[in-house]
Amino acid sequence: MRFFIFGSTGDLVRNRVVPALQKLVGGGFQIYALGRRELGSEVYREYVCPEDCPSSFRNIIYYFKLDFRQDNLCTPC
């Protein structure tokens, strides 16, 4: 299952959504965080998933920058 989060760099996602998702994830679950900031997946994982976050959860989070001014919104999707 794939879960997409738009506006993924906000406090609500960091403080409420991601901790709740940690309790729900199972095998084959992937989280795609989408936002406008220039972040890579590893930097985003550090932002939303502090050191007490299990690595099995951290490894299913992927971040992609969206640019709404372009025809191809997601690079590199």
C-alpha atoms as a PDB file:
ATOM      1  CA  MET A   1       0.000   0.000   0.000  1.00  0.00           C
ATOM      2  CA  ARG A   2       1.211   3.501  -0.804  1.00  0.00           C
ATOM      3  CA  PHE A   3       0.341   6.488   1.352  1.00  0.00           C
ATOM      4  CA  PHE A   4       0.858  10.000  -0.060  1.00  0.00           C
ATOM      5  CA  ILE A   5       1.239  13.073   2.135  1.00  0.00           C
ATOM      6  CA  PHE A   6       0.889  16.471   0.451  1.00  0.00           C
ATOM      7  CA  GLY A   7       2.323  19.421   2.373  1.00  0.00           C
ATOM      8  CA  SER A   8       4.501  16.991   4.256  1.00  0.00           C
ATOM      9  CA  THR A   9       6.908  19.435   5.922  1.00  0.00           C
ATOM     10  CA  GLY A  10       4.419  20.976   8.345  1.00  0.00           C
ATOM     11  CA  ASP A  11       4.278  20.559  12.103  1.00  0.00           C
ATOM     12  CA  LEU A  12       1.031  18.568  11.964  1.00  0.00           C
ATOM     13  CA  VAL A  13       2.652  15.870   9.846  1.00  0.00           C
ATOM     14  CA  ARG A  14       5.764  15.794  12.003  1.00  0.00           C
ATOM     15  CA  ASN A  15       4.018  15.775  15.370  1.00  0.00           C
ATOM     16  CA  ARG A  16       0.793  13.867  14.694  1.00  0.00           C
ATOM     17  CA  VAL A  17       0.579  12.105  11.333  1.00  0.00           C
ATOM     18  CA  VAL A  18       3.967  10.345  11.271  1.00  0.00           C
ATOM     19  CA  PRO A  19       3.732   9.071  14.881  1.00  0.00           C
ATOM     20  CA  ALA A  20       0.249   7.716  14.125  1.00  0.00           C
ATOM     21  CA  LEU A  21       1.485   6.022  10.950  1.00  0.00           C
ATOM     22  CA  GLN A  22       4.208   4.235  12.937  1.00  0.00           C
ATOM     23  CA  LYS A  23       1.449   2.293  14.697  1.00  0.00           C
ATOM     24  CA  LEU A  24      -0.347   1.372  11.463  1.00  0.00           C
ATOM     25  CA  VAL A  25       2.377   0.264   9.092  1.00  0.00           C
ATOM     26  CA  GLY A  26       2.866  -3.314   8.072  1.00  0.00           C
ATOM     27  CA  GLY A  27       4.547  -5.249   5.317  1.00  0.00           C
ATOM     28  CA  GLY A  28       4.606  -3.604   1.914  1.00  0.00           C
ATOM     29  CA  PHE A  29       3.580  -0.175   3.216  1.00  0.00           C
ATOM     30  CA  GLN A  30       5.313   2.879   1.698  1.00  0.00           C
ATOM     31  CA  ILE A  31       4.989   6.560   2.594  1.00  0.00           C
ATOM     32  CA  TYR A  32       5.564   9.193  -0.083  1.00  0.00           C
ATOM     33  CA  ALA A  33       5.972  12.699   1.316  1.00  0.00           C
ATOM     34  CA  LEU A  34       5.459  15.491  -1.213  1.00  0.00           C
ATOM     35  CA  GLY A  35       6.425  19.112  -0.699  1.00  0.00           C
ATOM     36  CA  ARG A  36       7.956  22.247  -2.184  1.00  0.00           C
ATOM     37  CA  ARG A  37      11.179  22.297  -0.177  1.00  0.00           C
ATOM     38  CA  GLU A  38      14.553  21.123  -1.479  1.00  0.00           C
ATOM     39  CA  LEU A  39      14.973  18.056   0.714  1.00  0.00           C
ATOM     40  CA  GLY A  40      16.149  14.570   0.038  1.00  0.00           C
ATOM     41  CA  SER A  41      14.579  11.470   1.535  1.00  0.00           C
ATOM     42  CA  GLU A  42      17.283  11.090   4.178  1.00  0.00           C
ATOM     43  CA  VAL A  43      17.018  14.715   5.333  1.00  0.00           C
ATOM     44  CA  TYR A  44      13.237  14.415   5.468  1.00  0.00           C
ATOM     45  CA  ARG A  45      13.483  11.210   7.508  1.00  0.00           C
ATOM     46  CA  GLU A  46      15.680  13.029  10.032  1.00  0.00           C
ATOM     47  CA  TYR A  47      13.101  15.831  10.214  1.00  0.00           C
ATOM     48  CA  VAL A  48       9.979  13.725  10.800  1.00  0.00           C
ATOM     49  CA  CYS A  49      11.423  10.641  12.427  1.00  0.00           C
ATOM     50  CA  PRO A  50      13.707  11.342  15.393  1.00  0.00           C
ATOM     51  CA  GLU A  51      16.263   8.906  16.774  1.00  0.00           C
ATOM     52  CA  ASP A  52      13.651   6.874  18.680  1.00  0.00           C
ATOM     53  CA  CYS A  53      11.945   5.991  15.402  1.00  0.00           C
ATOM     54  CA  PRO A  54      12.625   2.394  14.284  1.00  0.00           C
ATOM     55  CA  SER A  55      14.803   2.036  11.197  1.00  0.00           C
ATOM     56  CA  SER A  56      12.243  -0.318   9.650  1.00  0.00           C
ATOM     57  CA  PHE A  57       9.794   2.603   9.645  1.00  0.00           C
ATOM     58  CA  ARG A  58      12.341   5.216   8.533  1.00  0.00           C
ATOM     59  CA  ASN A  59      13.246   3.155   5.473  1.00  0.00           C
ATOM     60  CA  ILE A  60       9.713   3.225   4.037  1.00  0.00           C
ATOM     61  CA  ILE A  61       9.543   7.051   3.915  1.00  0.00           C
ATOM     62  CA  TYR A  62      10.428   8.785   0.640  1.00  0.00           C
ATOM     63  CA  TYR A  63      10.402  12.524  -0.044  1.00  0.00           C
ATOM     64  CA  PHE A  64       9.850  14.197  -3.424  1.00  0.00           C
ATOM     65  CA  LYS A  65       9.891  17.882  -4.236  1.00  0.00           C
ATOM     66  CA  LEU A  66       6.919  19.148  -6.256  1.00  0.00           C
ATOM     67  CA  ASP A  67       7.108  22.172  -8.518  1.00  0.00           C
ATOM     68  CA  PHE A  68       3.645  23.324  -9.527  1.00  0.00           C
ATOM     69  CA  ARG A  69       5.073  25.699 -12.125  1.00  0.00           C
ATOM     70  CA  GLN A  70       6.275  22.792 -14.274  1.00  0.00           C
ATOM     71  CA  ASP A  71       4.307  20.407 -16.469  1.00  0.00           C
ATOM     72  CA  ASN A  72       6.102  17.459 -14.866  1.00  0.00           C
ATOM     73  CA  LEU A  73       5.283  18.113 -11.181  1.00  0.00           C
ATOM     74  CA  CYS A  74       7.433  15.536  -9.533  1.00  0.00           C
ATOM     75  CA  THR A  75      11.148  15.324 -10.173  1.00  0.00           C
ATOM     76  CA  PRO A  76      12.483  12.626 -10.273  1.00  0.00           C
ATOM     77  CA  CYS A  77       9.277  10.536 -10.193  1.00  0.00           C
END
